[in-house]
Each structure stands twice: as structure tokens, then as C-alpha cells.
Amino acid sequence: MKTDDYIKEVMNKAITQAQKTMNEDIGGPFGAAIIDPEGKIIAVTSNSVLKDHDPTAHAEMNAIRMASAKLGTHDLSGCTLVTTAYPCPMCLGATIWANIKEIVYGCRPLDAEAIGFRDDFIYRYLKNPDKKVLNITEQYRNDCLVLFKEYAEKEKTLY
């Protein structure tokens, strides 16, 4: 059951996991858990960017990967993401792609920025793209559209 007390218990598990791996230099102060629609915890994990040498190994991404593997699906509809910090733009995108509609978070983006993380910097960039940060150019569209046409013709699964 997803009561406030239960969510607090789940958040504490995410905090404990983050603290453990943070102190082992595996990743930053970020932990996350996913609860299934019935309220069962299906994933508790933390940031492992430093250990994995993977900039996408954020706690939320790791939790989504773990939950998806356990459930055997990319669709986590009805699940709740509990995370120690407001998800960065990448993690928000992954949450949306996973069809998770509920997030409970602890710290704010400005809290992460205050200790040196760039979440809020990325949010500002998304509102006002700066070519000094990232240059994006469209090229070879017609060549790539062949893939899209083939996928649509084969009536493949959309996600």
C-alpha cells in the first residue's frame, strides 16, 4: 500500500543505498526505488556513475533498468519512482518513456547545484539552447527516413 508512512520507508531504503555506494565511491548522493502498482518494491538502487564509468548510470536510470528487467517489460505503467533528488532531465525523460506517472523526490535541483551538480544548468539550457554548450545540426535526414518508413510499414511496436 502506498501510504505516506510506506513511501517514507521506501525513501529511507533509497537513502541508505545511496549513502552506502556514495561512501564506497561508486556514485553520488542519489538513490532511487520503484514501487509496482500493488505497492511492492521492485527496485532499490543508487547512482553508479563512478564505478561504471557511465554518465547515464543515475539512480533513477538504474532503478528503471532494474525494474524493467525484473518485470520483463519496458512499460512501467502504474509504478511509482521514489528518488532522493528531483530527477535530472535525462532521468525525467526515461521516467516518461517508461510510462511512470508518479514521482516522489527529496532534494530539489538547486540543492544538487549547490554542491556542484549540473542539473539546473541543463534545465536552463533546455529553456534557452546555447550553441557554446552544444551544437546540434540536422544532416542526412533522407537517408535516415528510410529506417522510419521501414519501421512504420512493418507495423512495429511503438513505445
C-alpha atoms as a PDB file:
ATOM      1  CA  MET A   1       0.000   0.000   0.000  1.00  0.00           C
ATOM      2  CA  LYS A   2       1.366   3.438  -0.958  1.00  0.00           C
ATOM      3  CA  THR A   3       0.677   5.304   2.302  1.00  0.00           C
ATOM      4  CA  ASP A   4       2.836   8.243   3.392  1.00  0.00           C
ATOM      5  CA  ASP A   5       4.492   6.012   6.001  1.00  0.00           C
ATOM      6  CA  TYR A   6       5.241   3.381   3.370  1.00  0.00           C
ATOM      7  CA  ILE A   7       6.659   5.961   0.934  1.00  0.00           C
ATOM      8  CA  LYS A   8       8.861   7.262   3.759  1.00  0.00           C
ATOM      9  CA  GLU A   9      10.073   3.686   4.380  1.00  0.00           C
ATOM     10  CA  VAL A  10      10.879   3.281   0.676  1.00  0.00           C
ATOM     11  CA  MET A  11      12.663   6.668   0.617  1.00  0.00           C
ATOM     12  CA  ASN A  12      14.737   5.553   3.605  1.00  0.00           C
ATOM     13  CA  LYS A  13      15.808   2.452   1.654  1.00  0.00           C
ATOM     14  CA  ALA A  14      16.880   4.685  -1.254  1.00  0.00           C
ATOM     15  CA  ILE A  15      18.764   6.985   1.144  1.00  0.00           C
ATOM     16  CA  THR A  16      20.516   4.031   2.782  1.00  0.00           C
ATOM     17  CA  GLN A  17      21.546   2.607  -0.602  1.00  0.00           C
ATOM     18  CA  ALA A  18      22.803   5.992  -1.798  1.00  0.00           C
ATOM     19  CA  GLN A  19      24.788   6.551   1.372  1.00  0.00           C
ATOM     20  CA  LYS A  20      26.379   3.099   1.107  1.00  0.00           C
ATOM     21  CA  THR A  21      27.506   3.453  -2.506  1.00  0.00           C
ATOM     22  CA  MET A  22      28.434   7.123  -2.084  1.00  0.00           C
ATOM     23  CA  ASN A  23      30.825   6.149   0.715  1.00  0.00           C
ATOM     24  CA  GLU A  24      32.252   3.366  -1.474  1.00  0.00           C
ATOM     25  CA  ASP A  25      32.954   5.952  -4.224  1.00  0.00           C
ATOM     26  CA  ILE A  26      30.565   4.159  -6.575  1.00  0.00           C
ATOM     27  CA  GLY A  27      28.464   7.254  -7.252  1.00  0.00           C
ATOM     28  CA  GLY A  28      26.969  10.444  -5.878  1.00  0.00           C
ATOM     29  CA  PRO A  29      24.383  11.047  -3.159  1.00  0.00           C
ATOM     30  CA  PHE A  30      21.496   9.715  -5.215  1.00  0.00           C
ATOM     31  CA  GLY A  31      19.252   6.733  -4.541  1.00  0.00           C
ATOM     32  CA  ALA A  32      16.019   5.578  -6.122  1.00  0.00           C
ATOM     33  CA  ALA A  33      13.361   2.929  -5.775  1.00  0.00           C
ATOM     34  CA  ILE A  34      10.419   1.794  -7.864  1.00  0.00           C
ATOM     35  CA  ILE A  35       7.188   0.549  -6.379  1.00  0.00           C
ATOM     36  CA  ASP A  36       4.812  -1.510  -8.523  1.00  0.00           C
ATOM     37  CA  PRO A  37       1.075  -0.686  -8.777  1.00  0.00           C
ATOM     38  CA  GLU A  38       0.292  -3.001  -5.836  1.00  0.00           C
ATOM     39  CA  GLY A  39       2.861  -1.218  -3.659  1.00  0.00           C
ATOM     40  CA  LYS A  40       5.621  -3.836  -3.785  1.00  0.00           C
ATOM     41  CA  ILE A  41       9.206  -2.562  -4.003  1.00  0.00           C
ATOM     42  CA  ILE A  42      10.678  -3.929  -7.227  1.00  0.00           C
ATOM     43  CA  ALA A  43      13.924  -1.949  -7.358  1.00  0.00           C
ATOM     44  CA  VAL A  44      16.171  -0.097  -4.936  1.00  0.00           C
ATOM     45  CA  THR A  45      19.425   1.205  -6.301  1.00  0.00           C
ATOM     46  CA  SER A  46      21.731   4.169  -6.419  1.00  0.00           C
ATOM     47  CA  ASN A  47      23.951   6.193  -8.687  1.00  0.00           C
ATOM     48  CA  SER A  48      26.870   4.159 -10.070  1.00  0.00           C
ATOM     49  CA  VAL A  49      28.403   6.671 -12.490  1.00  0.00           C
ATOM     50  CA  LEU A  50      31.888   6.466 -10.963  1.00  0.00           C
ATOM     51  CA  LYS A  51      32.063   2.665 -10.732  1.00  0.00           C
ATOM     52  CA  ASP A  52      30.532   2.006 -14.143  1.00  0.00           C
ATOM     53  CA  HIS A  53      32.238   4.933 -15.918  1.00  0.00           C
ATOM     54  CA  ASP A  54      28.781   5.586 -17.337  1.00  0.00           C
ATOM     55  CA  PRO A  55      27.310   9.098 -17.251  1.00  0.00           C
ATOM     56  CA  THR A  56      23.822   7.597 -17.632  1.00  0.00           C
ATOM     57  CA  ALA A  57      24.099   5.385 -14.529  1.00  0.00           C
ATOM     58  CA  HIS A  58      21.991   7.718 -12.401  1.00  0.00           C
ATOM     59  CA  ALA A  59      19.944   6.188  -9.583  1.00  0.00           C
ATOM     60  CA  GLU A  60      16.662   6.675 -11.449  1.00  0.00           C
ATOM     61  CA  MET A  61      18.041   5.171 -14.668  1.00  0.00           C
ATOM     62  CA  ASN A  62      19.434   2.205 -12.734  1.00  0.00           C
ATOM     63  CA  ALA A  63      16.094   1.726 -10.956  1.00  0.00           C
ATOM     64  CA  ILE A  64      14.178   1.834 -14.248  1.00  0.00           C
ATOM     65  CA  ARG A  65      16.590  -0.682 -15.796  1.00  0.00           C
ATOM     66  CA  MET A  66      16.336  -2.977 -12.763  1.00  0.00           C
ATOM     67  CA  ALA A  67      12.535  -2.788 -12.565  1.00  0.00           C
ATOM     68  CA  SER A  68      12.155  -3.342 -16.319  1.00  0.00           C
ATOM     69  CA  ALA A  69      14.432  -6.392 -16.186  1.00  0.00           C
ATOM     70  CA  LYS A  70      12.588  -7.850 -13.182  1.00  0.00           C
ATOM     71  CA  LEU A  71       9.172  -7.301 -14.755  1.00  0.00           C
ATOM     72  CA  GLY A  72      10.286  -8.244 -18.271  1.00  0.00           C
ATOM     73  CA  THR A  73       8.836  -5.092 -19.819  1.00  0.00           C
ATOM     74  CA  HIS A  74       9.760  -1.565 -20.838  1.00  0.00           C
ATOM     75  CA  ASP A  75       6.317  -0.367 -19.720  1.00  0.00           C
ATOM     76  CA  LEU A  76       6.251   0.519 -16.015  1.00  0.00           C
ATOM     77  CA  SER A  77       2.718   1.954 -16.080  1.00  0.00           C
ATOM     78  CA  GLY A  78       1.259   2.289 -12.605  1.00  0.00           C
ATOM     79  CA  CYS A  79       4.663   2.244 -10.910  1.00  0.00           C
ATOM     80  CA  THR A  80       5.958   4.990  -8.637  1.00  0.00           C
ATOM     81  CA  LEU A  81       9.514   6.308  -8.684  1.00  0.00           C
ATOM     82  CA  VAL A  82      10.859   7.336  -5.275  1.00  0.00           C
ATOM     83  CA  THR A  83      14.131   9.250  -5.512  1.00  0.00           C
ATOM     84  CA  THR A  84      16.384  11.188  -3.182  1.00  0.00           C
ATOM     85  CA  ALA A  85      16.564  14.131  -5.614  1.00  0.00           C
ATOM     86  CA  TYR A  86      14.383  15.694  -8.293  1.00  0.00           C
ATOM     87  CA  PRO A  87      15.291  13.781 -11.454  1.00  0.00           C
ATOM     88  CA  CYS A  88      17.632  15.412 -13.943  1.00  0.00           C
ATOM     89  CA  PRO A  89      16.305  15.958 -17.487  1.00  0.00           C
ATOM     90  CA  MET A  90      17.703  12.596 -18.676  1.00  0.00           C
ATOM     91  CA  CYS A  91      16.027  10.732 -15.827  1.00  0.00           C
ATOM     92  CA  LEU A  92      12.762  12.628 -16.310  1.00  0.00           C
ATOM     93  CA  GLY A  93      12.829  11.620 -19.964  1.00  0.00           C
ATOM     94  CA  ALA A  94      13.439   7.975 -19.062  1.00  0.00           C
ATOM     95  CA  THR A  95      10.636   8.112 -16.497  1.00  0.00           C
ATOM     96  CA  ILE A  96       8.243   9.413 -19.130  1.00  0.00           C
ATOM     97  CA  TRP A  97       9.406   6.778 -21.657  1.00  0.00           C
ATOM     98  CA  ALA A  98       8.794   4.098 -19.009  1.00  0.00           C
ATOM     99  CA  ASN A  99       5.221   5.383 -18.536  1.00  0.00           C
ATOM    100  CA  ILE A 100       5.782   6.102 -14.841  1.00  0.00           C
ATOM    101  CA  LYS A 101       3.281   8.791 -13.867  1.00  0.00           C
ATOM    102  CA  GLU A 102       4.203   9.362 -10.217  1.00  0.00           C
ATOM    103  CA  ILE A 103       7.489  10.583  -8.755  1.00  0.00           C
ATOM    104  CA  VAL A 104       8.233  11.272  -5.100  1.00  0.00           C
ATOM    105  CA  TYR A 105      11.516  13.137  -4.603  1.00  0.00           C
ATOM    106  CA  GLY A 106      13.578  14.529  -1.737  1.00  0.00           C
ATOM    107  CA  CYS A 107      16.085  17.233  -2.738  1.00  0.00           C
ATOM    108  CA  ARG A 108      15.473  19.985  -5.301  1.00  0.00           C
ATOM    109  CA  PRO A 109      17.587  20.736  -8.409  1.00  0.00           C
ATOM    110  CA  LEU A 110      19.034  23.791  -6.643  1.00  0.00           C
ATOM    111  CA  ASP A 111      20.147  21.548  -3.757  1.00  0.00           C
ATOM    112  CA  ALA A 112      22.148  19.463  -6.244  1.00  0.00           C
ATOM    113  CA  GLU A 113      23.518  22.591  -7.905  1.00  0.00           C
ATOM    114  CA  ALA A 114      24.604  23.950  -4.505  1.00  0.00           C
ATOM    115  CA  ILE A 115      27.047  21.051  -4.133  1.00  0.00           C
ATOM    116  CA  GLY A 116      28.275  21.197  -7.741  1.00  0.00           C
ATOM    117  CA  PHE A 117      25.902  19.026  -9.799  1.00  0.00           C
ATOM    118  CA  ARG A 118      24.699  20.461 -13.138  1.00  0.00           C
ATOM    119  CA  ASP A 119      21.007  19.529 -13.173  1.00  0.00           C
ATOM    120  CA  ASP A 120      19.773  23.109 -13.028  1.00  0.00           C
ATOM    121  CA  PHE A 121      22.325  24.125 -15.679  1.00  0.00           C
ATOM    122  CA  ILE A 122      20.762  21.566 -18.034  1.00  0.00           C
ATOM    123  CA  TYR A 123      17.237  22.788 -17.227  1.00  0.00           C
ATOM    124  CA  ARG A 124      18.328  26.335 -18.109  1.00  0.00           C
ATOM    125  CA  TYR A 125      19.923  25.079 -21.346  1.00  0.00           C
ATOM    126  CA  LEU A 126      16.687  23.328 -22.367  1.00  0.00           C
ATOM    127  CA  LYS A 127      14.785  26.591 -21.925  1.00  0.00           C
ATOM    128  CA  ASN A 128      17.358  28.597 -23.881  1.00  0.00           C
ATOM    129  CA  PRO A 129      19.751  26.484 -26.004  1.00  0.00           C
ATOM    130  CA  ASP A 130      23.251  27.918 -26.194  1.00  0.00           C
ATOM    131  CA  LYS A 131      25.455  26.778 -29.096  1.00  0.00           C
ATOM    132  CA  LYS A 132      28.534  27.264 -26.888  1.00  0.00           C
ATOM    133  CA  VAL A 133      27.280  24.329 -24.810  1.00  0.00           C
ATOM    134  CA  LEU A 134      26.005  22.029 -27.544  1.00  0.00           C
ATOM    135  CA  ASN A 135      25.877  22.345 -31.316  1.00  0.00           C
ATOM    136  CA  ILE A 136      23.088  20.295 -32.915  1.00  0.00           C
ATOM    137  CA  THR A 137      22.831  20.017 -36.721  1.00  0.00           C
ATOM    138  CA  GLU A 138      20.482  18.065 -38.936  1.00  0.00           C
ATOM    139  CA  GLN A 139      22.211  16.079 -41.689  1.00  0.00           C
ATOM    140  CA  TYR A 140      21.361  13.041 -43.840  1.00  0.00           C
ATOM    141  CA  ARG A 141      17.672  13.179 -42.954  1.00  0.00           C
ATOM    142  CA  ASN A 142      16.545  11.470 -46.145  1.00  0.00           C
ATOM    143  CA  ASP A 143      18.962   8.598 -45.561  1.00  0.00           C
ATOM    144  CA  CYS A 144      17.660   8.142 -42.029  1.00  0.00           C
ATOM    145  CA  LEU A 145      13.990   8.460 -43.001  1.00  0.00           C
ATOM    146  CA  VAL A 146      14.372   5.099 -44.766  1.00  0.00           C
ATOM    147  CA  LEU A 147      14.534   3.495 -41.294  1.00  0.00           C
ATOM    148  CA  PHE A 148      11.404   5.281 -40.119  1.00  0.00           C
ATOM    149  CA  LYS A 149       9.483   4.312 -43.258  1.00  0.00           C
ATOM    150  CA  GLU A 150      10.519   0.658 -42.918  1.00  0.00           C
ATOM    151  CA  TYR A 151       9.551   0.591 -39.227  1.00  0.00           C
ATOM    152  CA  ALA A 152       6.141   2.102 -39.949  1.00  0.00           C
ATOM    153  CA  GLU A 153       5.494  -0.287 -42.851  1.00  0.00           C
ATOM    154  CA  LYS A 154       6.278  -3.291 -40.660  1.00  0.00           C
ATOM    155  CA  GLU A 155       3.823  -2.003 -38.025  1.00  0.00           C
ATOM    156  CA  LYS A 156       6.404  -2.490 -35.283  1.00  0.00           C
ATOM    157  CA  THR A 157       5.688  -1.805 -31.618  1.00  0.00           C
ATOM    158  CA  LEU A 158       5.620   1.858 -30.676  1.00  0.00           C
ATOM    159  CA  TYR A 159       6.907   2.811 -27.260  1.00  0.00           C
END
